[in-house]
Amino acid sequence: MNNDRILAGIACTQVLAKLSDYFDGELAPEVSAQIEAHVRQCDNCARFGGAFTAIVAGLRKSIEAPSSSASAATARLRSRLGLRD
């Protein structure tokens, strides 16, 4: 990474490598705090982290939300089988 800066005792490349674990809550509290401090000081990591957060949140939402087509298919199947909700 160009402009790999060390802020709050952690380099940009380390922050980016740990973002997924950070968002999953899998890091030690000290490491999470170090990442948060770095991102507050680093515009590049803040931008990337914001985009990463939006993508992960969107994916999680789409995975967790039931598909309307799946719901319709389930309803038709239940109806044809004579099952009640």
C-alpha atoms as a PDB file:
ATOM      1  CA  MET A   1       0.000   0.000   0.000  1.00  0.00           C
ATOM      2  CA  ASN A   2       1.299   3.433  -0.877  1.00  0.00           C
ATOM      3  CA  ASN A   3       1.328   5.845   2.040  1.00  0.00           C
ATOM      4  CA  ASP A   4       1.318   3.062   4.640  1.00  0.00           C
ATOM      5  CA  ARG A   5       1.212   5.149   7.793  1.00  0.00           C
ATOM      6  CA  ILE A   6       1.681   4.065  11.374  1.00  0.00           C
ATOM      7  CA  LEU A   7      -0.850   5.818  13.584  1.00  0.00           C
ATOM      8  CA  ALA A   8      -1.886   4.759  17.084  1.00  0.00           C
ATOM      9  CA  GLY A   9       0.834   2.116  16.915  1.00  0.00           C
ATOM     10  CA  ILE A  10      -0.628   0.249  13.941  1.00  0.00           C
ATOM     11  CA  ALA A  11       0.059   0.512  10.196  1.00  0.00           C
ATOM     12  CA  CYS A  12      -2.601   1.010   7.542  1.00  0.00           C
ATOM     13  CA  THR A  13      -1.884  -2.424   6.046  1.00  0.00           C
ATOM     14  CA  GLN A  14      -2.434  -4.038   9.452  1.00  0.00           C
ATOM     15  CA  VAL A  15      -5.703  -2.151   9.949  1.00  0.00           C
ATOM     16  CA  LEU A  16      -7.007  -3.224   6.545  1.00  0.00           C
ATOM     17  CA  ALA A  17      -5.949  -6.833   7.147  1.00  0.00           C
ATOM     18  CA  LYS A  18      -7.874  -6.901  10.429  1.00  0.00           C
ATOM     19  CA  LEU A  19     -11.060  -5.081   9.379  1.00  0.00           C
ATOM     20  CA  SER A  20     -13.101  -8.224   8.840  1.00  0.00           C
ATOM     21  CA  ASP A  21     -12.138  -9.602  12.258  1.00  0.00           C
ATOM     22  CA  TYR A  22     -12.837  -6.169  13.770  1.00  0.00           C
ATOM     23  CA  PHE A  23     -16.373  -6.055  12.384  1.00  0.00           C
ATOM     24  CA  ASP A  24     -16.999  -9.625  13.476  1.00  0.00           C
ATOM     25  CA  GLY A  25     -15.948  -8.729  17.031  1.00  0.00           C
ATOM     26  CA  GLU A  26     -13.130 -11.258  16.985  1.00  0.00           C
ATOM     27  CA  LEU A  27     -10.288  -8.992  18.121  1.00  0.00           C
ATOM     28  CA  ALA A  28      -9.010  -8.326  21.593  1.00  0.00           C
ATOM     29  CA  PRO A  29     -10.386  -5.054  23.007  1.00  0.00           C
ATOM     30  CA  GLU A  30      -6.924  -3.456  22.919  1.00  0.00           C
ATOM     31  CA  VAL A  31      -6.511  -4.206  19.208  1.00  0.00           C
ATOM     32  CA  SER A  32     -10.027  -2.934  18.434  1.00  0.00           C
ATOM     33  CA  ALA A  33      -9.259   0.293  20.294  1.00  0.00           C
ATOM     34  CA  GLN A  34      -5.990   0.634  18.382  1.00  0.00           C
ATOM     35  CA  ILE A  35      -7.800   0.216  15.048  1.00  0.00           C
ATOM     36  CA  GLU A  36     -10.452   2.759  16.059  1.00  0.00           C
ATOM     37  CA  ALA A  37      -7.760   5.278  17.059  1.00  0.00           C
ATOM     38  CA  HIS A  38      -5.913   4.718  13.790  1.00  0.00           C
ATOM     39  CA  VAL A  39      -9.052   5.200  11.688  1.00  0.00           C
ATOM     40  CA  ARG A  40      -9.888   8.437  13.522  1.00  0.00           C
ATOM     41  CA  GLN A  41      -6.502   9.804  12.416  1.00  0.00           C
ATOM     42  CA  CYS A  42      -6.226   8.304   8.916  1.00  0.00           C
ATOM     43  CA  ASP A  43      -8.453   9.581   6.126  1.00  0.00           C
ATOM     44  CA  ASN A  44      -7.532   6.717   3.783  1.00  0.00           C
ATOM     45  CA  CYS A  45      -8.428   4.003   6.270  1.00  0.00           C
ATOM     46  CA  ALA A  46     -11.552   5.894   7.338  1.00  0.00           C
ATOM     47  CA  ARG A  47     -12.770   6.039   3.719  1.00  0.00           C
ATOM     48  CA  PHE A  48     -11.960   2.400   3.054  1.00  0.00           C
ATOM     49  CA  GLY A  49     -13.405   1.340   6.405  1.00  0.00           C
ATOM     50  CA  GLY A  50     -16.619   3.242   5.690  1.00  0.00           C
ATOM     51  CA  ALA A  51     -16.994   1.598   2.286  1.00  0.00           C
ATOM     52  CA  PHE A  52     -16.161  -1.802   3.766  1.00  0.00           C
ATOM     53  CA  THR A  53     -18.734  -1.289   6.521  1.00  0.00           C
ATOM     54  CA  ALA A  54     -21.436  -0.350   4.011  1.00  0.00           C
ATOM     55  CA  ILE A  55     -20.708  -3.396   1.861  1.00  0.00           C
ATOM     56  CA  VAL A  56     -20.665  -5.800   4.805  1.00  0.00           C
ATOM     57  CA  ALA A  57     -23.860  -4.300   6.252  1.00  0.00           C
ATOM     58  CA  GLY A  58     -25.606  -4.567   2.872  1.00  0.00           C
ATOM     59  CA  LEU A  59     -24.532  -8.178   2.429  1.00  0.00           C
ATOM     60  CA  ARG A  60     -25.617  -9.120   5.928  1.00  0.00           C
ATOM     61  CA  LYS A  61     -28.972  -7.443   5.397  1.00  0.00           C
ATOM     62  CA  SER A  62     -29.580  -9.244   2.102  1.00  0.00           C
ATOM     63  CA  ILE A  63     -28.557 -12.589   3.581  1.00  0.00           C
ATOM     64  CA  GLU A  64     -30.722 -12.180   6.683  1.00  0.00           C
ATOM     65  CA  ALA A  65     -33.785 -10.787   4.890  1.00  0.00           C
ATOM     66  CA  PRO A  66     -36.085 -13.424   3.493  1.00  0.00           C
ATOM     67  CA  SER A  67     -36.502 -13.249  -0.238  1.00  0.00           C
ATOM     68  CA  SER A  68     -40.001 -12.343  -1.350  1.00  0.00           C
ATOM     69  CA  SER A  69     -39.773 -14.890  -4.158  1.00  0.00           C
ATOM     70  CA  ALA A  70     -38.742 -17.576  -1.667  1.00  0.00           C
ATOM     71  CA  SER A  71     -41.667 -16.623   0.560  1.00  0.00           C
ATOM     72  CA  ALA A  72     -44.075 -16.788  -2.380  1.00  0.00           C
ATOM     73  CA  ALA A  73     -42.712 -20.168  -3.441  1.00  0.00           C
ATOM     74  CA  THR A  74     -43.024 -21.472   0.109  1.00  0.00           C
ATOM     75  CA  ALA A  75     -46.621 -20.229   0.321  1.00  0.00           C
ATOM     76  CA  ARG A  76     -47.542 -21.924  -2.992  1.00  0.00           C
ATOM     77  CA  LEU A  77     -45.923 -25.176  -1.902  1.00  0.00           C
ATOM     78  CA  ARG A  78     -47.677 -25.119   1.458  1.00  0.00           C
ATOM     79  CA  SER A  79     -50.980 -24.413  -0.296  1.00  0.00           C
ATOM     80  CA  ARG A  80     -50.563 -27.280  -2.769  1.00  0.00           C
ATOM     81  CA  LEU A  81     -49.681 -29.622   0.069  1.00  0.00           C
ATOM     82  CA  GLY A  82     -52.761 -28.493   1.980  1.00  0.00           C
ATOM     83  CA  LEU A  83     -50.695 -27.161   4.879  1.00  0.00           C
ATOM     84  CA  ARG A  84     -51.791 -24.193   6.927  1.00  0.00           C
ATOM     85  CA  ASP A  85     -49.520 -21.423   8.190  1.00  0.00           C
END
